PDB file of N, CA and C in Angstrom:
ATOM      1  N   SER A   1     162.910 207.634 203.473  1.00  0.00           N
ATOM      2  CA  SER A   1     163.725 206.860 202.335  1.00  0.00           C
ATOM      3  C   SER A   1     164.682 206.189 202.912  1.00  0.00           C
ATOM      4  N   SER A   2     165.578 206.918 203.698  1.00  0.00           N
ATOM      5  CA  SER A   2     166.737 206.176 204.571  1.00  0.00           C
ATOM      6  C   SER A   2     166.321 205.329 205.848  1.00  0.00           C
ATOM      7  N   LEU A   3     165.169 205.536 206.391  1.00  0.00           N
ATOM      8  CA  LEU A   3     164.990 204.703 207.465  1.00  0.00           C
ATOM      9  C   LEU A   3     164.021 203.279 206.544  1.00  0.00           C
ATOM     10  N   LYS A   4     163.482 203.245 205.483  1.00  0.00           N
ATOM     11  CA  LYS A   4     163.313 202.341 204.684  1.00  0.00           C
ATOM     12  C   LYS A   4     164.210 201.151 204.404  1.00  0.00           C
ATOM     13  N   LEU A   5     165.587 201.964 204.138  1.00  0.00           N
ATOM     14  CA  LEU A   5     166.803 201.147 203.482  1.00  0.00           C
ATOM     15  C   LEU A   5     167.271 200.541 205.366  1.00  0.00           C
ATOM     16  N   VAL A   6     167.173 201.163 206.327  1.00  0.00           N
ATOM     17  CA  VAL A   6     167.670 200.630 207.431  1.00  0.00           C
ATOM     18  C   VAL A   6     167.103 199.514 207.534  1.00  0.00           C
ATOM     19  N   LEU A   7     165.695 199.379 207.663  1.00  0.00           N
ATOM     20  CA  LEU A   7     164.813 198.600 208.129  1.00  0.00           C
ATOM     21  C   LEU A   7     164.899 197.546 207.268  1.00  0.00           C
ATOM     22  N   LEU A   8     165.107 197.543 205.765  1.00  0.00           N
ATOM     23  CA  LEU A   8     165.412 196.458 204.680  1.00  0.00           C
ATOM     24  C   LEU A   8     166.764 195.721 205.137  1.00  0.00           C
ATOM     25  N   LEU A   9     167.705 196.344 205.470  1.00  0.00           N
ATOM     26  CA  LEU A   9     169.011 195.994 205.777  1.00  0.00           C
ATOM     27  C   LEU A   9     169.006 195.167 206.867  1.00  0.00           C
ATOM     28  N   ASN A  10     168.206 195.460 208.092  1.00  0.00           N
ATOM     29  CA  ASN A  10     167.951 195.142 209.255  1.00  0.00           C
ATOM     30  C   ASN A  10     167.321 193.539 209.031  1.00  0.00           C
ATOM     31  N   CYS A  11     166.211 193.654 208.281  1.00  0.00           N
ATOM     32  CA  CYS A  11     165.347 192.718 207.917  1.00  0.00           C
ATOM     33  C   CYS A  11     166.484 191.381 207.277  1.00  0.00           C
ATOM     34  N   SER A  12     167.462 191.846 206.188  1.00  0.00           N
ATOM     35  CA  SER A  12     168.289 190.968 205.515  1.00  0.00           C
ATOM     36  C   SER A  12     169.263 190.237 206.492  1.00  0.00           C
ATOM     37  N   TRP A  13     169.679 190.868 207.705  1.00  0.00           N
ATOM     38  CA  TRP A  13     170.383 190.391 208.450  1.00  0.00           C
ATOM     39  C   TRP A  13     169.638 189.390 209.408  1.00  0.00           C
ATOM     40  N   ILE A  14     168.409 189.745 209.679  1.00  0.00           N
ATOM     41  CA  ILE A  14     167.915 188.509 210.491  1.00  0.00           C
ATOM     42  C   ILE A  14     167.679 187.416 209.568  1.00  0.00           C
ATOM     43  N   ASP A  15     167.298 187.547 208.558  1.00  0.00           N
ATOM     44  CA  ASP A  15     166.961 186.629 207.250  1.00  0.00           C
ATOM     45  C   ASP A  15     168.213 185.635 207.292  1.00  0.00           C
ATOM     46  N   ALA A  16     169.052 186.556 207.153  1.00  0.00           N
ATOM     47  CA  ALA A  16     170.813 185.732 206.987  1.00  0.00           C
ATOM     48  C   ALA A  16     171.063 184.542 208.274  1.00  0.00           C
ATOM     49  N   ALA A  17     170.919 185.528 209.409  1.00  0.00           N
ATOM     50  CA  ALA A  17     170.749 184.571 210.366  1.00  0.00           C
ATOM     51  C   ALA A  17     170.207 183.612 210.925  1.00  0.00           C
ATOM     52  N   LYS A  18     168.863 183.741 210.466  1.00  0.00           N
ATOM     53  CA  LYS A  18     167.875 182.319 210.507  1.00  0.00           C
ATOM     54  C   LYS A  18     168.470 181.071 209.865  1.00  0.00           C
ATOM     55  N   PHE A  19     168.765 181.611 208.546  1.00  0.00           N
ATOM     56  CA  PHE A  19     169.312 180.767 207.506  1.00  0.00           C
ATOM     57  C   PHE A  19     170.290 179.993 207.986  1.00  0.00           C
ATOM     58  N   LEU A  20     171.234 180.901 208.336  1.00  0.00           N
ATOM     59  CA  LEU A  20     172.643 180.029 208.851  1.00  0.00           C
ATOM     60  C   LEU A  20     172.293 179.110 210.231  1.00  0.00           C
ATOM     61  N   THR A  21     171.495 179.642 211.017  1.00  0.00           N
ATOM     62  CA  THR A  21     171.213 178.836 212.158  1.00  0.00           C
ATOM     63  C   THR A  21     170.413 177.550 211.639  1.00  0.00           C
ATOM     64  N   GLY A  22     169.365 177.868 210.926  1.00  0.00           N
ATOM     65  CA  GLY A  22     168.774 176.402 210.491  1.00  0.00           C
ATOM     66  C   GLY A  22     169.634 175.461 209.692  1.00  0.00           C
ATOM     67  N   ALA A  23     170.456 175.913 208.910  1.00  0.00           N
ATOM     68  CA  ALA A  23     171.151 175.231 208.254  1.00  0.00           C
ATOM     69  C   ALA A  23     172.376 174.450 209.070  1.00  0.00           C
ATOM     70  N   SER A  24     172.773 175.012 210.191  1.00  0.00           N
ATOM     71  CA  SER A  24     173.581 174.739 211.190  1.00  0.00           C
ATOM     72  C   SER A  24     173.074 173.356 212.016  1.00  0.00           C
ATOM     73  N   ALA A  25     171.750 173.878 212.093  1.00  0.00           N
ATOM     74  CA  ALA A  25     170.842 172.858 213.151  1.00  0.00           C
ATOM     75  C   ALA A  25     170.808 171.628 211.813  1.00  0.00           C
ATOM     76  N   VAL A  26     170.440 171.746 211.129  1.00  0.00           N
ATOM     77  CA  VAL A  26     170.262 170.443 209.941  1.00  0.00           C
ATOM     78  C   VAL A  26     171.798 169.870 209.806  1.00  0.00           C
ATOM     79  N   GLY A  27     172.493 170.533 209.573  1.00  0.00           N
ATOM     80  CA  GLY A  27     173.873 169.954 209.426  1.00  0.00           C
ATOM     81  C   GLY A  27     174.353 169.207 210.701  1.00  0.00           C
ATOM     82  N   SER A  28     174.309 169.547 211.818  1.00  0.00           N
ATOM     83  CA  SER A  28     174.398 169.192 213.124  1.00  0.00           C
ATOM     84  C   SER A  28     173.721 167.738 213.326  1.00  0.00           C
ATOM     85  N   LEU A  29     172.231 167.405 212.929  1.00  0.00           N
ATOM     86  CA  LEU A  29     171.842 166.178 212.717  1.00  0.00           C
ATOM     87  C   LEU A  29     171.925 165.637 211.558  1.00  0.00           C
ATOM     88  N   ALA A  30     172.381 166.022 210.313  1.00  0.00           N
ATOM     89  CA  ALA A  30     172.616 165.078 209.114  1.00  0.00           C
ATOM     90  C   ALA A  30     174.033 164.762 209.041  1.00  0.00           C
ATOM     91  N   ILE A  31     174.648 165.337 209.294  1.00  0.00           N
ATOM     92  CA  ILE A  31     176.414 165.302 209.212  1.00  0.00           C
ATOM     93  C   ILE A  31     176.781 163.361 210.050  1.00  0.00           C
ATOM     94  N   PRO A  32     176.156 163.358 211.114  1.00  0.00           N
ATOM     95  CA  PRO A  32     176.527 162.111 211.617  1.00  0.00           C
ATOM     96  C   PRO A  32     175.677 161.234 211.000  1.00  0.00           C
ATOM     97  N   ILE A  33     174.382 161.319 210.773  1.00  0.00           N
ATOM     98  CA  ILE A  33     173.692 160.196 210.251  1.00  0.00           C
ATOM     99  C   ILE A  33     174.233 159.637 208.979  1.00  0.00           C
ATOM    100  N   ILE A  34     174.799 160.605 208.275  1.00  0.00           N
ATOM    101  CA  ILE A  34     175.749 160.468 206.573  1.00  0.00           C
ATOM    102  C   ILE A  34     177.106 159.622 207.199  1.00  0.00           C
ATOM    103  N   LEU A  35     177.470 159.981 208.187  1.00  0.00           N
ATOM    104  CA  LEU A  35     178.697 159.266 208.462  1.00  0.00           C
ATOM    105  C   LEU A  35     178.752 157.655 208.926  1.00  0.00           C
ATOM    106  N   ARG A  36     177.421 157.597 210.038  1.00  0.00           N
ATOM    107  CA  ARG A  36     176.992 156.405 210.358  1.00  0.00           C
ATOM    108  C   ARG A  36     176.847 155.528 209.492  1.00  0.00           C
ATOM    109  N   HIS A  37     176.201 156.198 208.218  1.00  0.00           N
ATOM    110  CA  HIS A  37     175.543 155.603 206.998  1.00  0.00           C
ATOM    111  C   HIS A  37     176.750 154.948 206.261  1.00  0.00           C
ATOM    112  N   ALA A  38     177.960 155.648 205.958  1.00  0.00           N
ATOM    113  CA  ALA A  38     178.996 155.650 205.101  1.00  0.00           C
ATOM    114  C   ALA A  38     179.958 154.578 206.243  1.00  0.00           C
ATOM    115  N   ASN A  39     179.658 154.016 207.328  1.00  0.00           N
ATOM    116  CA  ASN A  39     180.210 153.336 208.315  1.00  0.00           C
ATOM    117  C   ASN A  39     181.516 154.144 208.510  1.00  0.00           C
ATOM    118  N   MET A  40     181.613 155.347 208.816  1.00  0.00           N
ATOM    119  CA  MET A  40     182.890 155.872 209.069  1.00  0.00           C
ATOM    120  C   MET A  40     182.904 156.068 210.531  1.00  0.00           C
ATOM    121  N   ILE A  41     181.859 156.136 211.056  1.00  0.00           N
ATOM    122  CA  ILE A  41     181.970 156.458 212.733  1.00  0.00           C
ATOM    123  C   ILE A  41     180.788 155.323 213.206  1.00  0.00           C
ATOM    124  N   GLU A  42     180.556 154.944 214.711  1.00  0.00           N
ATOM    125  CA  GLU A  42     180.122 153.581 215.154  1.00  0.00           C
ATOM    126  C   GLU A  42     178.754 154.467 215.422  1.00  0.00           C
ATOM    127  N   THR A  43     177.726 153.649 215.852  1.00  0.00           N
ATOM    128  CA  THR A  43     176.069 154.011 216.480  1.00  0.00           C
ATOM    129  C   THR A  43     176.226 154.943 217.636  1.00  0.00           C
ATOM    130  N   GLY A  44     177.387 154.196 218.430  1.00  0.00           N
ATOM    131  CA  GLY A  44     177.629 155.212 219.943  1.00  0.00           C
ATOM    132  C   GLY A  44     178.187 156.386 219.634  1.00  0.00           C
ATOM    133  N   ALA A  45     179.067 156.721 218.560  1.00  0.00           N
ATOM    134  CA  ALA A  45     179.589 158.344 218.550  1.00  0.00           C
ATOM    135  C   ALA A  45     178.407 159.149 217.823  1.00  0.00           C
ATOM    136  N   MET A  46     177.543 158.355 216.948  1.00  0.00           N
ATOM    137  CA  MET A  46     176.539 159.396 216.226  1.00  0.00           C
ATOM    138  C   MET A  46     175.210 159.742 217.601  1.00  0.00           C
ATOM    139  N   PHE A  47     175.164 158.684 218.538  1.00  0.00           N
ATOM    140  CA  PHE A  47     174.505 159.019 219.644  1.00  0.00           C
ATOM    141  C   PHE A  47     174.976 159.802 220.846  1.00  0.00           C
ATOM    142  N   ILE A  48     176.366 159.913 220.833  1.00  0.00           N
ATOM    143  CA  ILE A  48     176.960 160.858 221.788  1.00  0.00           C
ATOM    144  C   ILE A  48     176.373 162.548 220.906  1.00  0.00           C
ATOM    145  N   GLU A  49     176.819 162.447 219.735  1.00  0.00           N
ATOM    146  CA  GLU A  49     176.714 163.492 219.120  1.00  0.00           C
ATOM    147  C   GLU A  49     175.241 164.373 218.912  1.00  0.00           C
ATOM    148  N   PHE A  50     174.167 163.329 219.031  1.00  0.00           N
ATOM    149  CA  PHE A  50     173.106 163.673 219.199  1.00  0.00           C
ATOM    150  C   PHE A  50     172.672 164.058 220.488  1.00  0.00           C
ATOM    151  N   THR A  51     173.726 163.476 221.273  1.00  0.00           N
ATOM    152  CA  THR A  51     173.073 164.071 222.781  1.00  0.00           C
ATOM    153  C   THR A  51     173.766 165.141 223.264  1.00  0.00           C
ATOM    154  N   SER A  52     174.759 165.650 222.772  1.00  0.00           N
ATOM    155  CA  SER A  52     175.498 166.984 222.894  1.00  0.00           C
ATOM    156  C   SER A  52     174.623 167.999 222.111  1.00  0.00           C
ATOM    157  N   PHE A  53     173.985 167.675 220.572  1.00  0.00           N
ATOM    158  CA  PHE A  53     173.140 168.611 220.463  1.00  0.00           C
ATOM    159  C   PHE A  53     171.573 168.646 221.315  1.00  0.00           C
ATOM    160  N   PHE A  54     171.239 167.856 221.911  1.00  0.00           N
ATOM    161  CA  PHE A  54     170.343 168.032 222.668  1.00  0.00           C
ATOM    162  C   PHE A  54     170.642 168.992 223.566  1.00  0.00           C
ATOM    163  N   ILE A  55     171.648 168.821 224.373  1.00  0.00           N
ATOM    164  CA  ILE A  55     172.186 169.669 225.484  1.00  0.00           C
ATOM    165  C   ILE A  55     172.590 170.901 224.799  1.00  0.00           C
ATOM    166  N   PHE A  56     173.055 170.994 223.797  1.00  0.00           N
ATOM    167  CA  PHE A  56     173.309 172.624 223.580  1.00  0.00           C
ATOM    168  C   PHE A  56     171.756 173.091 223.287  1.00  0.00           C
ATOM    169  N   VAL A  57     171.100 172.488 222.292  1.00  0.00           N
ATOM    170  CA  VAL A  57     169.742 173.158 222.414  1.00  0.00           C
ATOM    171  C   VAL A  57     169.019 173.431 224.019  1.00  0.00           C
ATOM    172  N   CYS A  58     168.839 172.813 224.650  1.00  0.00           N
ATOM    173  CA  CYS A  58     168.520 172.945 225.856  1.00  0.00           C
ATOM    174  C   CYS A  58     169.173 174.317 226.339  1.00  0.00           C
ATOM    175  N   THR A  59     170.499 174.459 226.323  1.00  0.00           N
ATOM    176  CA  THR A  59     171.050 175.689 227.010  1.00  0.00           C
ATOM    177  C   THR A  59     170.671 176.708 226.197  1.00  0.00           C
ATOM    178  N   LEU A  60     170.429 176.617 224.962  1.00  0.00           N
ATOM    179  CA  LEU A  60     169.951 178.220 224.124  1.00  0.00           C
ATOM    180  C   LEU A  60     168.551 178.201 224.560  1.00  0.00           C
ATOM    181  N   MET A  61     167.674 177.394 224.788  1.00  0.00           N
ATOM    182  CA  MET A  61     166.731 177.715 225.213  1.00  0.00           C
ATOM    183  C   MET A  61     166.333 178.095 226.555  1.00  0.00           C
ATOM    184  N   CYS A  62     167.276 178.047 227.503  1.00  0.00           N
ATOM    185  CA  CYS A  62     167.233 178.384 229.025  1.00  0.00           C
ATOM    186  C   CYS A  62     167.928 179.663 228.700  1.00  0.00           C
ATOM    187  N   PHE A  63     168.924 179.819 227.932  1.00  0.00           N
ATOM    188  CA  PHE A  63     169.497 181.232 227.844  1.00  0.00           C
ATOM    189  C   PHE A  63     168.592 182.221 227.422  1.00  0.00           C
ATOM    190  N   HIS A  64     167.605 181.622 226.091  1.00  0.00           N
ATOM    191  CA  HIS A  64     166.669 182.526 225.674  1.00  0.00           C
ATOM    192  C   HIS A  64     165.363 182.902 226.676  1.00  0.00           C
ATOM    193  N   ARG A  65     165.093 181.797 227.322  1.00  0.00           N
ATOM    194  CA  ARG A  65     164.161 182.444 228.636  1.00  0.00           C
ATOM    195  C   ARG A  65     164.833 183.378 229.416  1.00  0.00           C
ATOM    196  N   ALA A  66     166.002 183.091 229.780  1.00  0.00           N
ATOM    197  CA  ALA A  66     166.556 184.031 231.180  1.00  0.00           C
ATOM    198  C   ALA A  66     166.702 185.336 230.501  1.00  0.00           C
ATOM    199  N   SER A  67     166.715 185.758 228.769  1.00  0.00           N
ATOM    200  CA  SER A  67     167.193 186.810 228.289  1.00  0.00           C
ATOM    201  C   SER A  67     166.037 187.622 227.968  1.00  0.00           C
ATOM    202  N   LEU A  68     164.727 186.858 228.124  1.00  0.00           N
ATOM    203  CA  LEU A  68     163.380 187.411 227.821  1.00  0.00           C
ATOM    204  C   LEU A  68     162.907 188.277 229.287  1.00  0.00           C
ATOM    205  N   GLU A  69     163.549 187.506 230.496  1.00  0.00           N
ATOM    206  CA  GLU A  69     163.024 188.032 231.655  1.00  0.00           C
ATOM    207  C   GLU A  69     163.804 188.900 232.467  1.00  0.00           C
ATOM    208  N   ASP A  70     164.906 189.178 231.658  1.00  0.00           N
ATOM    209  CA  ASP A  70     165.777 190.709 231.880  1.00  0.00           C
ATOM    210  C   ASP A  70     165.233 191.757 231.373  1.00  0.00           C
ATOM    211  N   ASP A  71     165.216 192.883 232.302  1.00  0.00           N
ATOM    212  CA  ASP A  71     164.435 194.257 231.801  1.00  0.00           C
ATOM    213  C   ASP A  71     165.650 195.273 231.596  1.00  0.00           C
ATOM    214  N   TRP A  72     165.574 195.244 230.161  1.00  0.00           N
ATOM    215  CA  TRP A  72     166.710 196.266 229.412  1.00  0.00           C
ATOM    216  C   TRP A  72     166.894 197.524 229.816  1.00  0.00           C
TER     217      TRP A  72
END
């Protein structure tokens, strides 16, 4: 019974982390688009934000691949 509770709590944390990661990714793309649509930022600033997001995603993918190759 306690093992089931631990597994359930662990799964809840994983689900929460996935939700927050998804919300952050969508927000990182949507906020610059919304600001550009409202003419609060220029097109160049929007593309700079998209470029930084792309670099961040590439860094995460490289880190993930490197961590898969490590022997713990």
